[in-house]
Amino acid sequence: MKRAAWVLGLCCLAIQPAFAAHAAAKDTRVDITNFAFSPKTLTVPAGTKVVWTNHDEEPHVVTSAGAMFAPSRALDTGDTYAVTFSKPGTYAYYCTIHPMMVGTIVVQ
């Protein structure tokens, strides 16, 4: 019986890092650089948190086309904004200050 518990404990230790890596993979980055979202189109599984980071010296506002998620505040250099996408769909967004900046999140 002790041997079975020991083997079970080893199996749990072997599996645990795989779960931790899977959880860490749930956050995905979008960089705001040179007045563009990078990547411009991002495909993620449902439940993914997308984090935008402004690397420009100008402020940017991440705004959903069609109000599919709440807009960010004005993001200054180094500021971040995050949205967790729980439902499949296509989420178009843009910068309200610079409307030529557009991007798409595809949630599967």
PDB file of N, CA and C in Angstrom:
ATOM      1  N   MET A   1       0.814  -1.191   0.000  1.00  0.00           N
ATOM      2  CA  MET A   1       0.000   0.000   0.000  1.00  0.00           C
ATOM      3  C   MET A   1       0.865   1.265   0.000  1.00  0.00           C
ATOM      4  N   LYS A   2       1.966   1.243   0.817  1.00  0.00           N
ATOM      5  CA  LYS A   2       2.854   2.400   0.865  1.00  0.00           C
ATOM      6  C   LYS A   2       3.504   2.638  -0.490  1.00  0.00           C
ATOM      7  N   ARG A   3       3.865   1.556  -1.176  1.00  0.00           N
ATOM      8  CA  ARG A   3       4.490   1.684  -2.500  1.00  0.00           C
ATOM      9  C   ARG A   3       3.520   2.318  -3.490  1.00  0.00           C
ATOM     10  N   ALA A   4       2.258   1.951  -3.454  1.00  0.00           N
ATOM     11  CA  ALA A   4       1.254   2.523  -4.358  1.00  0.00           C
ATOM     12  C   ALA A   4       1.101   4.016  -4.105  1.00  0.00           C
ATOM     13  N   ALA A   5       1.080   4.420  -2.851  1.00  0.00           N
ATOM     14  CA  ALA A   5       0.970   5.847  -2.509  1.00  0.00           C
ATOM     15  C   ALA A   5       2.211   6.597  -2.991  1.00  0.00           C
ATOM     16  N   TRP A   6       3.382   5.988  -2.856  1.00  0.00           N
ATOM     17  CA  TRP A   6       4.619   6.613  -3.291  1.00  0.00           C
ATOM     18  C   TRP A   6       4.616   6.817  -4.806  1.00  0.00           C
ATOM     19  N   VAL A   7       4.194   5.784  -5.552  1.00  0.00           N
ATOM     20  CA  VAL A   7       4.125   5.869  -7.015  1.00  0.00           C
ATOM     21  C   VAL A   7       3.113   6.932  -7.431  1.00  0.00           C
ATOM     22  N   LEU A   8       1.965   6.959  -6.762  1.00  0.00           N
ATOM     23  CA  LEU A   8       0.948   7.974  -7.065  1.00  0.00           C
ATOM     24  C   LEU A   8       1.496   9.378  -6.825  1.00  0.00           C
ATOM     25  N   GLY A   9       2.247   9.546  -5.731  1.00  0.00           N
ATOM     26  CA  GLY A   9       2.854  10.847  -5.437  1.00  0.00           C
ATOM     27  C   GLY A   9       3.836  11.262  -6.515  1.00  0.00           C
ATOM     28  N   LEU A  10       4.649  10.339  -7.003  1.00  0.00           N
ATOM     29  CA  LEU A  10       5.591  10.642  -8.085  1.00  0.00           C
ATOM     30  C   LEU A  10       4.865  11.031  -9.365  1.00  0.00           C
ATOM     31  N   CYS A  11       3.780  10.335  -9.664  1.00  0.00           N
ATOM     32  CA  CYS A  11       3.002  10.658 -10.863  1.00  0.00           C
ATOM     33  C   CYS A  11       2.442  12.071 -10.778  1.00  0.00           C
ATOM     34  N   CYS A  12       1.942  12.445  -9.593  1.00  0.00           N
ATOM     35  CA  CYS A  12       1.387  13.787  -9.410  1.00  0.00           C
ATOM     36  C   CYS A  12       2.459  14.850  -9.591  1.00  0.00           C
ATOM     37  N   LEU A  13       3.666  14.589  -9.075  1.00  0.00           N
ATOM     38  CA  LEU A  13       4.758  15.536  -9.246  1.00  0.00           C
ATOM     39  C   LEU A  13       5.142  15.681 -10.712  1.00  0.00           C
ATOM     40  N   ALA A  14       5.077  14.595 -11.460  1.00  0.00           N
ATOM     41  CA  ALA A  14       5.434  14.638 -12.881  1.00  0.00           C
ATOM     42  C   ALA A  14       4.392  15.400 -13.680  1.00  0.00           C
ATOM     43  N   ILE A  15       3.137  15.298 -13.299  1.00  0.00           N
ATOM     44  CA  ILE A  15       2.053  15.947 -14.040  1.00  0.00           C
ATOM     45  C   ILE A  15       1.935  17.421 -13.687  1.00  0.00           C
ATOM     46  N   GLN A  16       2.225  17.805 -12.457  1.00  0.00           N
ATOM     47  CA  GLN A  16       2.027  19.167 -11.985  1.00  0.00           C
ATOM     48  C   GLN A  16       2.684  20.231 -12.872  1.00  0.00           C
ATOM     49  N   PRO A  17       3.963  20.091 -13.292  1.00  0.00           N
ATOM     50  CA  PRO A  17       4.548  21.115 -14.162  1.00  0.00           C
ATOM     51  C   PRO A  17       3.797  21.272 -15.479  1.00  0.00           C
ATOM     52  N   ALA A  18       3.229  20.204 -16.000  1.00  0.00           N
ATOM     53  CA  ALA A  18       2.472  20.305 -17.250  1.00  0.00           C
ATOM     54  C   ALA A  18       1.247  21.184 -17.058  1.00  0.00           C
ATOM     55  N   PHE A  19       0.562  21.043 -15.914  1.00  0.00           N
ATOM     56  CA  PHE A  19      -0.591  21.899 -15.632  1.00  0.00           C
ATOM     57  C   PHE A  19      -0.152  23.342 -15.444  1.00  0.00           C
ATOM     58  N   ALA A  20       0.951  23.572 -14.770  1.00  0.00           N
ATOM     59  CA  ALA A  20       1.449  24.923 -14.553  1.00  0.00           C
ATOM     60  C   ALA A  20       1.810  25.572 -15.881  1.00  0.00           C
ATOM     61  N   ALA A  21       2.445  24.840 -16.780  1.00  0.00           N
ATOM     62  CA  ALA A  21       2.798  25.394 -18.092  1.00  0.00           C
ATOM     63  C   ALA A  21       1.553  25.723 -18.887  1.00  0.00           C
ATOM     64  N   HIS A  22       0.532  24.871 -18.780  1.00  0.00           N
ATOM     65  CA  HIS A  22      -0.721  25.116 -19.498  1.00  0.00           C
ATOM     66  C   HIS A  22      -1.388  26.384 -18.974  1.00  0.00           C
ATOM     67  N   ALA A  23      -1.409  26.577 -17.654  1.00  0.00           N
ATOM     68  CA  ALA A  23      -2.029  27.768 -17.068  1.00  0.00           C
ATOM     69  C   ALA A  23      -1.270  29.022 -17.485  1.00  0.00           C
ATOM     70  N   ALA A  24       0.062  28.949 -17.518  1.00  0.00           N
ATOM     71  CA  ALA A  24       0.859  30.109 -17.900  1.00  0.00           C
ATOM     72  C   ALA A  24       0.625  30.477 -19.359  1.00  0.00           C
ATOM     73  N   ALA A  25       0.316  29.505 -20.185  1.00  0.00           N
ATOM     74  CA  ALA A  25       0.110  29.761 -21.607  1.00  0.00           C
ATOM     75  C   ALA A  25      -1.204  30.486 -21.870  1.00  0.00           C
ATOM     76  N   LYS A  26      -2.048  30.647 -20.853  1.00  0.00           N
ATOM     77  CA  LYS A  26      -3.344  31.300 -21.018  1.00  0.00           C
ATOM     78  C   LYS A  26      -3.220  32.813 -21.233  1.00  0.00           C
ATOM     79  N   ASP A  27      -2.113  33.433 -20.818  1.00  0.00           N
ATOM     80  CA  ASP A  27      -1.915  34.863 -21.020  1.00  0.00           C
ATOM     81  C   ASP A  27      -1.124  35.090 -22.311  1.00  0.00           C
ATOM     82  N   THR A  28      -1.636  35.980 -23.150  1.00  0.00           N
ATOM     83  CA  THR A  28      -0.998  36.256 -24.426  1.00  0.00           C
ATOM     84  C   THR A  28      -0.807  37.754 -24.575  1.00  0.00           C
ATOM     85  N   ARG A  29       0.320  38.147 -25.149  1.00  0.00           N
ATOM     86  CA  ARG A  29       0.667  39.570 -25.263  1.00  0.00           C
ATOM     87  C   ARG A  29       0.354  40.135 -26.640  1.00  0.00           C
ATOM     88  N   VAL A  30      -0.046  41.396 -26.638  1.00  0.00           N
ATOM     89  CA  VAL A  30      -0.112  42.204 -27.851  1.00  0.00           C
ATOM     90  C   VAL A  30       0.713  43.454 -27.547  1.00  0.00           C
ATOM     91  N   ASP A  31       1.741  43.697 -28.344  1.00  0.00           N
ATOM     92  CA  ASP A  31       2.574  44.877 -28.167  1.00  0.00           C
ATOM     93  C   ASP A  31       2.037  46.023 -29.005  1.00  0.00           C
ATOM     94  N   ILE A  32       2.086  47.216 -28.439  1.00  0.00           N
ATOM     95  CA  ILE A  32       1.739  48.434 -29.177  1.00  0.00           C
ATOM     96  C   ILE A  32       3.056  49.147 -29.430  1.00  0.00           C
ATOM     97  N   THR A  33       3.498  49.104 -30.690  1.00  0.00           N
ATOM     98  CA  THR A  33       4.794  49.644 -31.071  1.00  0.00           C
ATOM     99  C   THR A  33       4.687  50.313 -32.432  1.00  0.00           C
ATOM    100  N   ASN A  34       5.272  51.500 -32.561  1.00  0.00           N
ATOM    101  CA  ASN A  34       5.277  52.227 -33.834  1.00  0.00           C
ATOM    102  C   ASN A  34       3.870  52.390 -34.398  1.00  0.00           C
ATOM    103  N   PHE A  35       2.923  52.749 -33.512  1.00  0.00           N
ATOM    104  CA  PHE A  35       1.530  53.001 -33.898  1.00  0.00           C
ATOM    105  C   PHE A  35       0.897  51.799 -34.595  1.00  0.00           C
ATOM    106  N   ALA A  36       1.171  50.605 -34.052  1.00  0.00           N
ATOM    107  CA  ALA A  36       0.580  49.375 -34.582  1.00  0.00           C
ATOM    108  C   ALA A  36       0.448  48.351 -33.460  1.00  0.00           C
ATOM    109  N   PHE A  37      -0.550  47.483 -33.606  1.00  0.00           N
ATOM    110  CA  PHE A  37      -0.723  46.353 -32.699  1.00  0.00           C
ATOM    111  C   PHE A  37       0.043  45.165 -33.286  1.00  0.00           C
ATOM    112  N   SER A  38       0.822  44.490 -32.439  1.00  0.00           N
ATOM    113  CA  SER A  38       1.604  43.354 -32.917  1.00  0.00           C
ATOM    114  C   SER A  38       1.464  42.191 -31.945  1.00  0.00           C
ATOM    115  N   PRO A  39       0.904  41.067 -32.406  1.00  0.00           N
ATOM    116  CA  PRO A  39       0.456  40.807 -33.774  1.00  0.00           C
ATOM    117  C   PRO A  39      -0.861  41.514 -34.071  1.00  0.00           C
ATOM    118  N   LYS A  40      -1.066  41.787 -35.343  1.00  0.00           N
ATOM    119  CA  LYS A  40      -2.281  42.475 -35.772  1.00  0.00           C
ATOM    120  C   LYS A  40      -3.498  41.567 -35.613  1.00  0.00           C
ATOM    121  N   THR A  41      -3.331  40.287 -35.901  1.00  0.00           N
ATOM    122  CA  THR A  41      -4.381  39.287 -35.697  1.00  0.00           C
ATOM    123  C   THR A  41      -3.825  38.204 -34.792  1.00  0.00           C
ATOM    124  N   LEU A  42      -4.607  37.859 -33.774  1.00  0.00           N
ATOM    125  CA  LEU A  42      -4.186  36.880 -32.783  1.00  0.00           C
ATOM    126  C   LEU A  42      -5.296  35.850 -32.624  1.00  0.00           C
ATOM    127  N   THR A  43      -4.954  34.567 -32.710  1.00  0.00           N
ATOM    128  CA  THR A  43      -5.926  33.483 -32.515  1.00  0.00           C
ATOM    129  C   THR A  43      -5.592  32.784 -31.210  1.00  0.00           C
ATOM    130  N   VAL A  44      -6.596  32.697 -30.315  1.00  0.00           N
ATOM    131  CA  VAL A  44      -6.385  32.132 -28.986  1.00  0.00           C
ATOM    132  C   VAL A  44      -7.544  31.214 -28.609  1.00  0.00           C
ATOM    133  N   PRO A  45      -7.331  30.286 -27.679  1.00  0.00           N
ATOM    134  CA  PRO A  45      -8.450  29.472 -27.177  1.00  0.00           C
ATOM    135  C   PRO A  45      -9.287  30.288 -26.191  1.00  0.00           C
ATOM    136  N   ALA A  46     -10.546  29.918 -26.034  1.00  0.00           N
ATOM    137  CA  ALA A  46     -11.420  30.570 -25.053  1.00  0.00           C
ATOM    138  C   ALA A  46     -10.782  30.457 -23.673  1.00  0.00           C
ATOM    139  N   GLY A  47     -10.920  31.513 -22.885  1.00  0.00           N
ATOM    140  CA  GLY A  47     -10.330  31.550 -21.553  1.00  0.00           C
ATOM    141  C   GLY A  47      -8.990  32.243 -21.494  1.00  0.00           C
ATOM    142  N   THR A  48      -8.481  32.688 -22.638  1.00  0.00           N
ATOM    143  CA  THR A  48      -7.175  33.341 -22.693  1.00  0.00           C
ATOM    144  C   THR A  48      -7.284  34.799 -22.264  1.00  0.00           C
ATOM    145  N   LYS A  49      -6.318  35.218 -21.451  1.00  0.00           N
ATOM    146  CA  LYS A  49      -6.210  36.636 -21.101  1.00  0.00           C
ATOM    147  C   LYS A  49      -5.217  37.272 -22.069  1.00  0.00           C
ATOM    148  N   VAL A  50      -5.668  38.311 -22.769  1.00  0.00           N
ATOM    149  CA  VAL A  50      -4.811  39.053 -23.697  1.00  0.00           C
ATOM    150  C   VAL A  50      -4.381  40.332 -22.992  1.00  0.00           C
ATOM    151  N   VAL A  51      -3.076  40.593 -22.991  1.00  0.00           N
ATOM    152  CA  VAL A  51      -2.518  41.766 -22.328  1.00  0.00           C
ATOM    153  C   VAL A  51      -1.849  42.649 -23.376  1.00  0.00           C
ATOM    154  N   TRP A  52      -2.344  43.874 -23.519  1.00  0.00           N
ATOM    155  CA  TRP A  52      -1.753  44.863 -24.413  1.00  0.00           C
ATOM    156  C   TRP A  52      -0.757  45.689 -23.608  1.00  0.00           C
ATOM    157  N   THR A  53       0.417  45.973 -24.186  1.00  0.00           N
ATOM    158  CA  THR A  53       1.423  46.820 -23.551  1.00  0.00           C
ATOM    159  C   THR A  53       1.824  47.912 -24.523  1.00  0.00           C
ATOM    160  N   ASN A  54       1.732  49.173 -24.070  1.00  0.00           N
ATOM    161  CA  ASN A  54       2.110  50.299 -24.917  1.00  0.00           C
ATOM    162  C   ASN A  54       3.607  50.558 -24.803  1.00  0.00           C
ATOM    163  N   HIS A  55       4.316  50.410 -25.931  1.00  0.00           N
ATOM    164  CA  HIS A  55       5.751  50.688 -25.992  1.00  0.00           C
ATOM    165  C   HIS A  55       6.036  52.011 -26.692  1.00  0.00           C
ATOM    166  N   ASP A  56       4.993  52.692 -27.163  1.00  0.00           N
ATOM    167  CA  ASP A  56       5.161  53.993 -27.826  1.00  0.00           C
ATOM    168  C   ASP A  56       5.260  55.110 -26.787  1.00  0.00           C
ATOM    169  N   GLU A  57       5.748  56.248 -27.225  1.00  0.00           N
ATOM    170  CA  GLU A  57       5.809  57.420 -26.346  1.00  0.00           C
ATOM    171  C   GLU A  57       4.501  58.205 -26.372  1.00  0.00           C
ATOM    172  N   GLU A  58       3.591  57.824 -27.227  1.00  0.00           N
ATOM    173  CA  GLU A  58       2.271  58.457 -27.313  1.00  0.00           C
ATOM    174  C   GLU A  58       1.240  57.556 -26.633  1.00  0.00           C
ATOM    175  N   PRO A  59       0.191  58.128 -26.056  1.00  0.00           N
ATOM    176  CA  PRO A  59      -0.848  57.288 -25.447  1.00  0.00           C
ATOM    177  C   PRO A  59      -1.707  56.598 -26.505  1.00  0.00           C
ATOM    178  N   HIS A  60      -2.287  55.471 -26.118  1.00  0.00           N
ATOM    179  CA  HIS A  60      -3.198  54.719 -26.978  1.00  0.00           C
ATOM    180  C   HIS A  60      -4.362  54.212 -26.135  1.00  0.00           C
ATOM    181  N   VAL A  61      -5.528  54.054 -26.763  1.00  0.00           N
ATOM    182  CA  VAL A  61      -6.709  53.510 -26.097  1.00  0.00           C
ATOM    183  C   VAL A  61      -7.186  52.300 -26.888  1.00  0.00           C
ATOM    184  N   VAL A  62      -7.220  51.133 -26.248  1.00  0.00           N
ATOM    185  CA  VAL A  62      -7.703  49.904 -26.889  1.00  0.00           C
ATOM    186  C   VAL A  62      -9.221  49.886 -26.759  1.00  0.00           C
ATOM    187  N   THR A  63      -9.912  49.906 -27.907  1.00  0.00           N
ATOM    188  CA  THR A  63     -11.369  49.994 -27.923  1.00  0.00           C
ATOM    189  C   THR A  63     -11.944  48.915 -28.830  1.00  0.00           C
ATOM    190  N   SER A  64     -12.929  48.203 -28.324  1.00  0.00           N
ATOM    191  CA  SER A  64     -13.587  47.145 -29.091  1.00  0.00           C
ATOM    192  C   SER A  64     -14.531  47.750 -30.119  1.00  0.00           C
ATOM    193  N   ALA A  65     -14.440  47.295 -31.352  1.00  0.00           N
ATOM    194  CA  ALA A  65     -15.431  47.666 -32.362  1.00  0.00           C
ATOM    195  C   ALA A  65     -16.709  46.915 -32.002  1.00  0.00           C
ATOM    196  N   GLY A  66     -17.799  47.624 -31.797  1.00  0.00           N
ATOM    197  CA  GLY A  66     -19.051  46.968 -31.443  1.00  0.00           C
ATOM    198  C   GLY A  66     -19.214  46.741 -29.949  1.00  0.00           C
ATOM    199  N   ALA A  67     -18.376  47.355 -29.130  1.00  0.00           N
ATOM    200  CA  ALA A  67     -18.479  47.272 -27.665  1.00  0.00           C
ATOM    201  C   ALA A  67     -18.517  45.824 -27.159  1.00  0.00           C
ATOM    202  N   MET A  68     -17.666  44.970 -27.706  1.00  0.00           N
ATOM    203  CA  MET A  68     -17.599  43.567 -27.286  1.00  0.00           C
ATOM    204  C   MET A  68     -16.841  43.400 -25.963  1.00  0.00           C
ATOM    205  N   PHE A  69     -16.014  44.394 -25.601  1.00  0.00           N
ATOM    206  CA  PHE A  69     -15.350  44.428 -24.301  1.00  0.00           C
ATOM    207  C   PHE A  69     -15.122  45.889 -23.933  1.00  0.00           C
ATOM    208  N   ALA A  70     -14.898  46.145 -22.660  1.00  0.00           N
ATOM    209  CA  ALA A  70     -14.731  47.511 -22.166  1.00  0.00           C
ATOM    210  C   ALA A  70     -13.447  48.125 -22.720  1.00  0.00           C
ATOM    211  N   PRO A  71     -13.474  49.420 -23.039  1.00  0.00           N
ATOM    212  CA  PRO A  71     -12.261  50.080 -23.533  1.00  0.00           C
ATOM    213  C   PRO A  71     -11.253  50.300 -22.410  1.00  0.00           C
ATOM    214  N   SER A  72      -9.994  50.392 -22.803  1.00  0.00           N
ATOM    215  CA  SER A  72      -8.957  50.719 -21.828  1.00  0.00           C
ATOM    216  C   SER A  72      -9.011  52.214 -21.524  1.00  0.00           C
ATOM    217  N   ARG A  73      -8.307  52.610 -20.502  1.00  0.00           N
ATOM    218  CA  ARG A  73      -8.048  54.033 -20.298  1.00  0.00           C
ATOM    219  C   ARG A  73      -6.916  54.391 -21.254  1.00  0.00           C
ATOM    220  N   ALA A  74      -6.523  55.634 -21.322  1.00  0.00           N
ATOM    221  CA  ALA A  74      -5.386  56.013 -22.161  1.00  0.00           C
ATOM    222  C   ALA A  74      -4.128  55.364 -21.578  1.00  0.00           C
ATOM    223  N   LEU A  75      -3.471  54.543 -22.389  1.00  0.00           N
ATOM    224  CA  LEU A  75      -2.271  53.825 -21.946  1.00  0.00           C
ATOM    225  C   LEU A  75      -1.030  54.639 -22.286  1.00  0.00           C
ATOM    226  N   ASP A  76      -0.307  55.048 -21.264  1.00  0.00           N
ATOM    227  CA  ASP A  76       0.956  55.739 -21.475  1.00  0.00           C
ATOM    228  C   ASP A  76       2.059  54.697 -21.680  1.00  0.00           C
ATOM    229  N   THR A  77       3.265  55.150 -21.951  1.00  0.00           N
ATOM    230  CA  THR A  77       4.394  54.253 -22.181  1.00  0.00           C
ATOM    231  C   THR A  77       4.552  53.288 -21.007  1.00  0.00           C
ATOM    232  N   GLY A  78       4.574  51.993 -21.316  1.00  0.00           N
ATOM    233  CA  GLY A  78       4.751  50.969 -20.302  1.00  0.00           C
ATOM    234  C   GLY A  78       3.464  50.495 -19.651  1.00  0.00           C
ATOM    235  N   ASP A  79       2.360  51.188 -19.873  1.00  0.00           N
ATOM    236  CA  ASP A  79       1.081  50.767 -19.294  1.00  0.00           C
ATOM    237  C   ASP A  79       0.545  49.533 -19.996  1.00  0.00           C
ATOM    238  N   THR A  80      -0.246  48.744 -19.253  1.00  0.00           N
ATOM    239  CA  THR A  80      -0.862  47.544 -19.805  1.00  0.00           C
ATOM    240  C   THR A  80      -2.361  47.582 -19.613  1.00  0.00           C
ATOM    241  N   TYR A  81      -3.046  46.774 -20.415  1.00  0.00           N
ATOM    242  CA  TYR A  81      -4.498  46.600 -20.331  1.00  0.00           C
ATOM    243  C   TYR A  81      -4.776  45.141 -20.666  1.00  0.00           C
ATOM    244  N   ALA A  82      -5.681  44.509 -19.913  1.00  0.00           N
ATOM    245  CA  ALA A  82      -5.938  43.083 -20.122  1.00  0.00           C
ATOM    246  C   ALA A  82      -7.431  42.798 -20.239  1.00  0.00           C
ATOM    247  N   VAL A  83      -7.754  41.836 -21.107  1.00  0.00           N
ATOM    248  CA  VAL A  83      -9.117  41.333 -21.265  1.00  0.00           C
ATOM    249  C   VAL A  83      -9.038  39.821 -21.340  1.00  0.00           C
ATOM    250  N   THR A  84      -9.910  39.134 -20.602  1.00  0.00           N
ATOM    251  CA  THR A  84     -10.009  37.685 -20.706  1.00  0.00           C
ATOM    252  C   THR A  84     -11.167  37.361 -21.636  1.00  0.00           C
ATOM    253  N   PHE A  85     -10.878  36.621 -22.695  1.00  0.00           N
ATOM    254  CA  PHE A  85     -11.867  36.271 -23.710  1.00  0.00           C
ATOM    255  C   PHE A  85     -12.421  34.883 -23.413  1.00  0.00           C
ATOM    256  N   SER A  86     -13.632  34.838 -22.876  1.00  0.00           N
ATOM    257  CA  SER A  86     -14.205  33.558 -22.460  1.00  0.00           C
ATOM    258  C   SER A  86     -15.096  32.916 -23.509  1.00  0.00           C
ATOM    259  N   LYS A  87     -15.571  33.697 -24.475  1.00  0.00           N
ATOM    260  CA  LYS A  87     -16.485  33.153 -25.491  1.00  0.00           C
ATOM    261  C   LYS A  87     -15.844  33.181 -26.878  1.00  0.00           C
ATOM    262  N   PRO A  88     -16.025  32.104 -27.648  1.00  0.00           N
ATOM    263  CA  PRO A  88     -15.512  32.104 -29.025  1.00  0.00           C
ATOM    264  C   PRO A  88     -16.139  33.232 -29.852  1.00  0.00           C
ATOM    265  N   GLY A  89     -15.365  33.725 -30.784  1.00  0.00           N
ATOM    266  CA  GLY A  89     -15.845  34.785 -31.671  1.00  0.00           C
ATOM    267  C   GLY A  89     -14.674  35.576 -32.215  1.00  0.00           C
ATOM    268  N   THR A  90     -15.001  36.572 -33.019  1.00  0.00           N
ATOM    269  CA  THR A  90     -13.995  37.467 -33.590  1.00  0.00           C
ATOM    270  C   THR A  90     -14.199  38.848 -32.989  1.00  0.00           C
ATOM    271  N   TYR A  91     -13.163  39.364 -32.370  1.00  0.00           N
ATOM    272  CA  TYR A  91     -13.213  40.630 -31.659  1.00  0.00           C
ATOM    273  C   TYR A  91     -12.297  41.635 -32.366  1.00  0.00           C
ATOM    274  N   ALA A  92     -12.890  42.542 -33.112  1.00  0.00           N
ATOM    275  CA  ALA A  92     -12.120  43.596 -33.771  1.00  0.00           C
ATOM    276  C   ALA A  92     -11.934  44.739 -32.778  1.00  0.00           C
ATOM    277  N   TYR A  93     -10.776  45.387 -32.837  1.00  0.00           N
ATOM    278  CA  TYR A  93     -10.525  46.519 -31.948  1.00  0.00           C
ATOM    279  C   TYR A  93      -9.652  47.545 -32.654  1.00  0.00           C
ATOM    280  N   TYR A  94      -9.565  48.734 -32.050  1.00  0.00           N
ATOM    281  CA  TYR A  94      -8.792  49.825 -32.634  1.00  0.00           C
ATOM    282  C   TYR A  94      -8.376  50.784 -31.520  1.00  0.00           C
ATOM    283  N   CYS A  95      -7.537  51.740 -31.856  1.00  0.00           N
ATOM    284  CA  CYS A  95      -7.150  52.805 -30.930  1.00  0.00           C
ATOM    285  C   CYS A  95      -8.043  54.006 -31.220  1.00  0.00           C
ATOM    286  N   THR A  96      -8.763  54.489 -30.209  1.00  0.00           N
ATOM    287  CA  THR A  96      -9.660  55.628 -30.461  1.00  0.00           C
ATOM    288  C   THR A  96      -8.897  56.915 -30.734  1.00  0.00           C
ATOM    289  N   ILE A  97      -7.663  57.024 -30.258  1.00  0.00           N
ATOM    290  CA  ILE A  97      -6.857  58.216 -30.522  1.00  0.00           C
ATOM    291  C   ILE A  97      -6.277  58.163 -31.936  1.00  0.00           C
ATOM    292  N   HIS A  98      -5.925  56.963 -32.386  1.00  0.00           N
ATOM    293  CA  HIS A  98      -5.316  56.761 -33.711  1.00  0.00           C
ATOM    294  C   HIS A  98      -6.111  55.666 -34.430  1.00  0.00           C
ATOM    295  N   PRO A  99      -7.260  55.996 -35.024  1.00  0.00           N
ATOM    296  CA  PRO A  99      -8.164  54.972 -35.585  1.00  0.00           C
ATOM    297  C   PRO A  99      -7.583  54.121 -36.702  1.00  0.00           C
ATOM    298  N   MET A 100      -6.433  54.526 -37.254  1.00  0.00           N
ATOM    299  CA  MET A 100      -5.814  53.693 -38.273  1.00  0.00           C
ATOM    300  C   MET A 100      -5.160  52.461 -37.660  1.00  0.00           C
ATOM    301  N   MET A 101      -5.006  52.446 -36.326  1.00  0.00           N
ATOM    302  CA  MET A 101      -4.453  51.294 -35.612  1.00  0.00           C
ATOM    303  C   MET A 101      -5.582  50.313 -35.347  1.00  0.00           C
ATOM    304  N   VAL A 102      -5.519  49.160 -35.993  1.00  0.00           N
ATOM    305  CA  VAL A 102      -6.583  48.153 -35.838  1.00  0.00           C
ATOM    306  C   VAL A 102      -5.981  46.791 -35.556  1.00  0.00           C
ATOM    307  N   GLY A 103      -6.777  45.932 -34.928  1.00  0.00           N
ATOM    308  CA  GLY A 103      -6.343  44.580 -34.637  1.00  0.00           C
ATOM    309  C   GLY A 103      -7.551  43.683 -34.476  1.00  0.00           C
ATOM    310  N   THR A 104      -7.301  42.382 -34.425  1.00  0.00           N
ATOM    311  CA  THR A 104      -8.371  41.386 -34.292  1.00  0.00           C
ATOM    312  C   THR A 104      -7.913  40.276 -33.371  1.00  0.00           C
ATOM    313  N   ILE A 105      -8.797  39.888 -32.460  1.00  0.00           N
ATOM    314  CA  ILE A 105      -8.593  38.712 -31.629  1.00  0.00           C
ATOM    315  C   ILE A 105      -9.614  37.674 -32.077  1.00  0.00           C
ATOM    316  N   VAL A 106      -9.164  36.497 -32.479  1.00  0.00           N
ATOM    317  CA  VAL A 106     -10.042  35.399 -32.865  1.00  0.00           C
ATOM    318  C   VAL A 106      -9.998  34.389 -31.723  1.00  0.00           C
ATOM    319  N   VAL A 107     -11.150  34.167 -31.101  1.00  0.00           N
ATOM    320  CA  VAL A 107     -11.229  33.241 -29.971  1.00  0.00           C
ATOM    321  C   VAL A 107     -11.931  31.973 -30.447  1.00  0.00           C
ATOM    322  N   GLN A 108     -11.266  30.836 -30.256  1.00  0.00           N
ATOM    323  CA  GLN A 108     -11.815  29.554 -30.693  1.00  0.00           C
ATOM    324  C   GLN A 108     -12.355  28.764 -29.515  1.00  0.00           C
TER     325      GLN A 108
END
